[in-house]
Amino acid sequence: MKNPSLAKMEFNNFGLRLGKIFFNLAIFLLIFCVCGMVSLLSTAFLFLVGAVVTILSMGTIFVYAPNFWNSIIAGMNATANFFSFVIGNAYIFLSIVMALSIASIVILALDRQNKHIPRIVVASIVLVVALLMMIFVASGVIA
């Protein structure tokens, strides 16, 4: 039969790893949401790059790449589709980010052996940023 203190220590190690996994997932999903919301700017940036390349090459780009504008438009459509997907599901993604951040803060704060102050601070910042993004999406600033 196992020692009860050993079983408790194993459960604490499992909980600590789970808290770190939640922390990493929250950061990943927040970056995904930020990239999705910034992809609208990348659509405009792609058009600007295409226009600048056309002007600087004085039209010779069409000799070397006959489908140049078709490629630019395809890239713009891809980033616009990504933006609409992220904005359409922003409440889901941001809610998951907030839940994972809160869970990682609680789990990491309950560890009595090690102090996880940097992770807790970063998870708190992720929580605040996700909350601000949720307010921006709800108020229509990003739509």
C-alpha atoms as a PDB file:
ATOM      1  CA  MET A   1       0.000   0.000   0.000  1.00  0.00           C
ATOM      2  CA  LYS A   2       1.256   3.457  -0.850  1.00  0.00           C
ATOM      3  CA  ASN A   3       2.195   6.033   1.671  1.00  0.00           C
ATOM      4  CA  PRO A   4      -0.556   8.718   1.862  1.00  0.00           C
ATOM      5  CA  SER A   5       1.976  11.532   1.837  1.00  0.00           C
ATOM      6  CA  LEU A   6       3.590  10.086  -1.299  1.00  0.00           C
ATOM      7  CA  ALA A   7       0.208   9.915  -3.056  1.00  0.00           C
ATOM      8  CA  LYS A   8      -0.489  13.509  -2.067  1.00  0.00           C
ATOM      9  CA  MET A   9       2.902  14.597  -3.403  1.00  0.00           C
ATOM     10  CA  GLU A  10       2.211  12.822  -6.710  1.00  0.00           C
ATOM     11  CA  PHE A  11      -1.162  14.555  -6.938  1.00  0.00           C
ATOM     12  CA  ASN A  12       0.515  17.922  -6.222  1.00  0.00           C
ATOM     13  CA  ASN A  13       3.039  17.289  -9.005  1.00  0.00           C
ATOM     14  CA  PHE A  14       0.198  16.410 -11.374  1.00  0.00           C
ATOM     15  CA  GLY A  15      -1.685  19.561 -10.399  1.00  0.00           C
ATOM     16  CA  LEU A  16       1.413  21.682 -10.877  1.00  0.00           C
ATOM     17  CA  ARG A  17       1.974  20.278 -14.356  1.00  0.00           C
ATOM     18  CA  LEU A  18      -1.677  20.842 -15.165  1.00  0.00           C
ATOM     19  CA  GLY A  19      -1.345  24.471 -14.061  1.00  0.00           C
ATOM     20  CA  LYS A  20       1.669  24.936 -16.327  1.00  0.00           C
ATOM     21  CA  ILE A  21      -0.206  23.345 -19.242  1.00  0.00           C
ATOM     22  CA  PHE A  22      -3.157  25.683 -18.656  1.00  0.00           C
ATOM     23  CA  PHE A  23      -0.735  28.623 -18.538  1.00  0.00           C
ATOM     24  CA  ASN A  24       0.851  27.663 -21.869  1.00  0.00           C
ATOM     25  CA  LEU A  25      -2.514  27.048 -23.550  1.00  0.00           C
ATOM     26  CA  ALA A  26      -3.833  30.416 -22.370  1.00  0.00           C
ATOM     27  CA  ILE A  27      -0.839  32.207 -23.881  1.00  0.00           C
ATOM     28  CA  PHE A  28      -1.158  30.255 -27.142  1.00  0.00           C
ATOM     29  CA  LEU A  29      -4.874  31.025 -27.508  1.00  0.00           C
ATOM     30  CA  LEU A  30      -4.344  34.693 -26.672  1.00  0.00           C
ATOM     31  CA  ILE A  31      -1.667  34.956 -29.362  1.00  0.00           C
ATOM     32  CA  PHE A  32      -4.045  33.196 -31.761  1.00  0.00           C
ATOM     33  CA  CYS A  33      -6.782  35.754 -30.997  1.00  0.00           C
ATOM     34  CA  VAL A  34      -4.417  38.710 -31.325  1.00  0.00           C
ATOM     35  CA  CYS A  35      -3.104  37.401 -34.654  1.00  0.00           C
ATOM     36  CA  GLY A  36      -6.654  36.911 -35.864  1.00  0.00           C
ATOM     37  CA  MET A  37      -7.630  40.422 -34.954  1.00  0.00           C
ATOM     38  CA  VAL A  38      -4.480  41.882 -36.505  1.00  0.00           C
ATOM     39  CA  SER A  39      -4.975  39.893 -39.711  1.00  0.00           C
ATOM     40  CA  LEU A  40      -7.308  42.615 -40.965  1.00  0.00           C
ATOM     41  CA  LEU A  41      -4.305  44.932 -40.934  1.00  0.00           C
ATOM     42  CA  SER A  42      -2.269  42.323 -42.790  1.00  0.00           C
ATOM     43  CA  THR A  43      -4.899  42.305 -45.535  1.00  0.00           C
ATOM     44  CA  ALA A  44      -4.331  45.996 -46.097  1.00  0.00           C
ATOM     45  CA  PHE A  45      -0.573  45.479 -45.798  1.00  0.00           C
ATOM     46  CA  LEU A  46      -0.635  42.850 -48.558  1.00  0.00           C
ATOM     47  CA  PHE A  47      -2.439  45.262 -50.870  1.00  0.00           C
ATOM     48  CA  LEU A  48       0.087  47.980 -50.046  1.00  0.00           C
ATOM     49  CA  VAL A  49       3.013  45.648 -50.739  1.00  0.00           C
ATOM     50  CA  GLY A  50       1.489  44.661 -54.084  1.00  0.00           C
ATOM     51  CA  ALA A  51       0.981  48.298 -55.056  1.00  0.00           C
ATOM     52  CA  VAL A  52       4.515  49.287 -54.030  1.00  0.00           C
ATOM     53  CA  VAL A  53       6.087  46.353 -55.894  1.00  0.00           C
ATOM     54  CA  THR A  54       4.080  47.228 -59.007  1.00  0.00           C
ATOM     55  CA  ILE A  55       5.117  50.887 -58.856  1.00  0.00           C
ATOM     56  CA  LEU A  56       8.775  50.240 -58.027  1.00  0.00           C
ATOM     57  CA  SER A  57       9.165  47.628 -60.732  1.00  0.00           C
ATOM     58  CA  MET A  58       7.407  49.944 -63.203  1.00  0.00           C
ATOM     59  CA  GLY A  59       5.138  47.092 -64.229  1.00  0.00           C
ATOM     60  CA  THR A  60       7.897  44.630 -65.084  1.00  0.00           C
ATOM     61  CA  ILE A  61       6.690  42.400 -62.260  1.00  0.00           C
ATOM     62  CA  PHE A  62       3.926  41.269 -64.617  1.00  0.00           C
ATOM     63  CA  VAL A  63       6.531  39.915 -67.040  1.00  0.00           C
ATOM     64  CA  TYR A  64       8.224  37.809 -64.347  1.00  0.00           C
ATOM     65  CA  ALA A  65       5.025  36.903 -62.473  1.00  0.00           C
ATOM     66  CA  PRO A  66       1.999  37.120 -64.770  1.00  0.00           C
ATOM     67  CA  ASN A  67      -0.406  36.153 -61.950  1.00  0.00           C
ATOM     68  CA  PHE A  68       1.071  38.634 -59.473  1.00  0.00           C
ATOM     69  CA  TRP A  69      -2.187  40.360 -58.538  1.00  0.00           C
ATOM     70  CA  ASN A  70      -4.071  37.071 -58.438  1.00  0.00           C
ATOM     71  CA  SER A  71      -1.573  35.874 -55.826  1.00  0.00           C
ATOM     72  CA  ILE A  72      -1.929  39.084 -53.838  1.00  0.00           C
ATOM     73  CA  ILE A  73      -5.740  38.860 -53.939  1.00  0.00           C
ATOM     74  CA  ALA A  74      -5.621  35.184 -52.867  1.00  0.00           C
ATOM     75  CA  GLY A  75      -3.477  36.139 -49.878  1.00  0.00           C
ATOM     76  CA  MET A  76      -5.843  38.962 -49.016  1.00  0.00           C
ATOM     77  CA  ASN A  77      -8.808  36.568 -49.158  1.00  0.00           C
ATOM     78  CA  ALA A  78      -7.028  34.089 -46.880  1.00  0.00           C
ATOM     79  CA  THR A  79      -6.276  36.722 -44.227  1.00  0.00           C
ATOM     80  CA  ALA A  80      -9.812  38.121 -44.490  1.00  0.00           C
ATOM     81  CA  ASN A  81     -11.259  34.620 -43.981  1.00  0.00           C
ATOM     82  CA  PHE A  82      -9.017  34.071 -40.942  1.00  0.00           C
ATOM     83  CA  PHE A  83     -10.134  37.420 -39.510  1.00  0.00           C
ATOM     84  CA  SER A  84     -13.814  36.601 -39.975  1.00  0.00           C
ATOM     85  CA  PHE A  85     -13.327  33.169 -38.358  1.00  0.00           C
ATOM     86  CA  VAL A  86     -11.589  34.604 -35.301  1.00  0.00           C
ATOM     87  CA  ILE A  87     -14.042  37.477 -34.891  1.00  0.00           C
ATOM     88  CA  GLY A  88     -16.997  35.134 -35.361  1.00  0.00           C
ATOM     89  CA  ASN A  89     -15.712  32.901 -32.566  1.00  0.00           C
ATOM     90  CA  ALA A  90     -13.984  35.565 -30.455  1.00  0.00           C
ATOM     91  CA  TYR A  91     -16.248  35.048 -27.453  1.00  0.00           C
ATOM     92  CA  ILE A  92     -15.447  31.333 -27.380  1.00  0.00           C
ATOM     93  CA  PHE A  93     -11.680  31.754 -27.730  1.00  0.00           C
ATOM     94  CA  LEU A  94     -11.441  34.609 -25.243  1.00  0.00           C
ATOM     95  CA  SER A  95     -13.643  32.790 -22.718  1.00  0.00           C
ATOM     96  CA  ILE A  96     -11.351  29.766 -22.930  1.00  0.00           C
ATOM     97  CA  VAL A  97      -8.325  32.048 -22.469  1.00  0.00           C
ATOM     98  CA  MET A  98      -9.851  33.611 -19.366  1.00  0.00           C
ATOM     99  CA  ALA A  99     -10.855  30.237 -17.887  1.00  0.00           C
ATOM    100  CA  LEU A 100      -7.397  28.766 -18.489  1.00  0.00           C
ATOM    101  CA  SER A 101      -5.714  31.847 -17.014  1.00  0.00           C
ATOM    102  CA  ILE A 102      -7.841  31.746 -13.885  1.00  0.00           C
ATOM    103  CA  ALA A 103      -7.289  28.000 -13.484  1.00  0.00           C
ATOM    104  CA  SER A 104      -3.517  28.352 -13.892  1.00  0.00           C
ATOM    105  CA  ILE A 105      -3.382  31.250 -11.414  1.00  0.00           C
ATOM    106  CA  VAL A 106      -5.304  29.252  -8.815  1.00  0.00           C
ATOM    107  CA  ILE A 107      -3.331  26.037  -9.322  1.00  0.00           C
ATOM    108  CA  LEU A 108       0.055  27.758  -9.317  1.00  0.00           C
ATOM    109  CA  ALA A 109      -0.835  29.879  -6.290  1.00  0.00           C
ATOM    110  CA  LEU A 110      -1.747  26.761  -4.295  1.00  0.00           C
ATOM    111  CA  ASP A 111       1.732  25.249  -4.698  1.00  0.00           C
ATOM    112  CA  ARG A 112       3.419  25.528  -1.315  1.00  0.00           C
ATOM    113  CA  GLN A 113       6.838  24.205  -2.305  1.00  0.00           C
ATOM    114  CA  ASN A 114       7.787  26.624  -5.101  1.00  0.00           C
ATOM    115  CA  LYS A 115       6.804  30.174  -5.795  1.00  0.00           C
ATOM    116  CA  HIS A 116       5.566  30.729  -9.321  1.00  0.00           C
ATOM    117  CA  ILE A 117       5.358  34.513  -9.177  1.00  0.00           C
ATOM    118  CA  PRO A 118       6.465  35.194 -12.796  1.00  0.00           C
ATOM    119  CA  ARG A 119       3.938  32.719 -14.213  1.00  0.00           C
ATOM    120  CA  ILE A 120       1.172  34.083 -12.013  1.00  0.00           C
ATOM    121  CA  VAL A 121       1.953  37.657 -13.076  1.00  0.00           C
ATOM    122  CA  VAL A 122       2.017  36.722 -16.775  1.00  0.00           C
ATOM    123  CA  ALA A 123      -1.215  34.732 -16.403  1.00  0.00           C
ATOM    124  CA  SER A 124      -2.795  37.791 -14.749  1.00  0.00           C
ATOM    125  CA  ILE A 125      -1.658  39.988 -17.636  1.00  0.00           C
ATOM    126  CA  VAL A 126      -3.066  37.461 -20.117  1.00  0.00           C
ATOM    127  CA  LEU A 127      -6.350  37.543 -18.207  1.00  0.00           C
ATOM    128  CA  VAL A 128      -6.518  41.344 -18.343  1.00  0.00           C
ATOM    129  CA  VAL A 129      -5.638  41.466 -22.051  1.00  0.00           C
ATOM    130  CA  ALA A 130      -8.279  38.821 -22.825  1.00  0.00           C
ATOM    131  CA  LEU A 131     -10.846  40.791 -20.834  1.00  0.00           C
ATOM    132  CA  LEU A 132      -9.985  43.999 -22.708  1.00  0.00           C
ATOM    133  CA  MET A 133     -10.210  42.197 -26.042  1.00  0.00           C
ATOM    134  CA  MET A 134     -13.603  40.795 -25.016  1.00  0.00           C
ATOM    135  CA  ILE A 135     -14.797  44.311 -24.195  1.00  0.00           C
ATOM    136  CA  PHE A 136     -13.506  45.603 -27.553  1.00  0.00           C
ATOM    137  CA  VAL A 137     -15.288  42.846 -29.462  1.00  0.00           C
ATOM    138  CA  ALA A 138     -18.502  43.279 -27.457  1.00  0.00           C
ATOM    139  CA  SER A 139     -18.545  47.044 -27.935  1.00  0.00           C
ATOM    140  CA  GLY A 140     -17.948  46.756 -31.672  1.00  0.00           C
ATOM    141  CA  VAL A 141     -14.535  48.432 -31.756  1.00  0.00           C
ATOM    142  CA  ILE A 142     -13.144  45.325 -33.482  1.00  0.00           C
ATOM    143  CA  ALA A 143     -15.742  43.987 -35.893  1.00  0.00           C
END
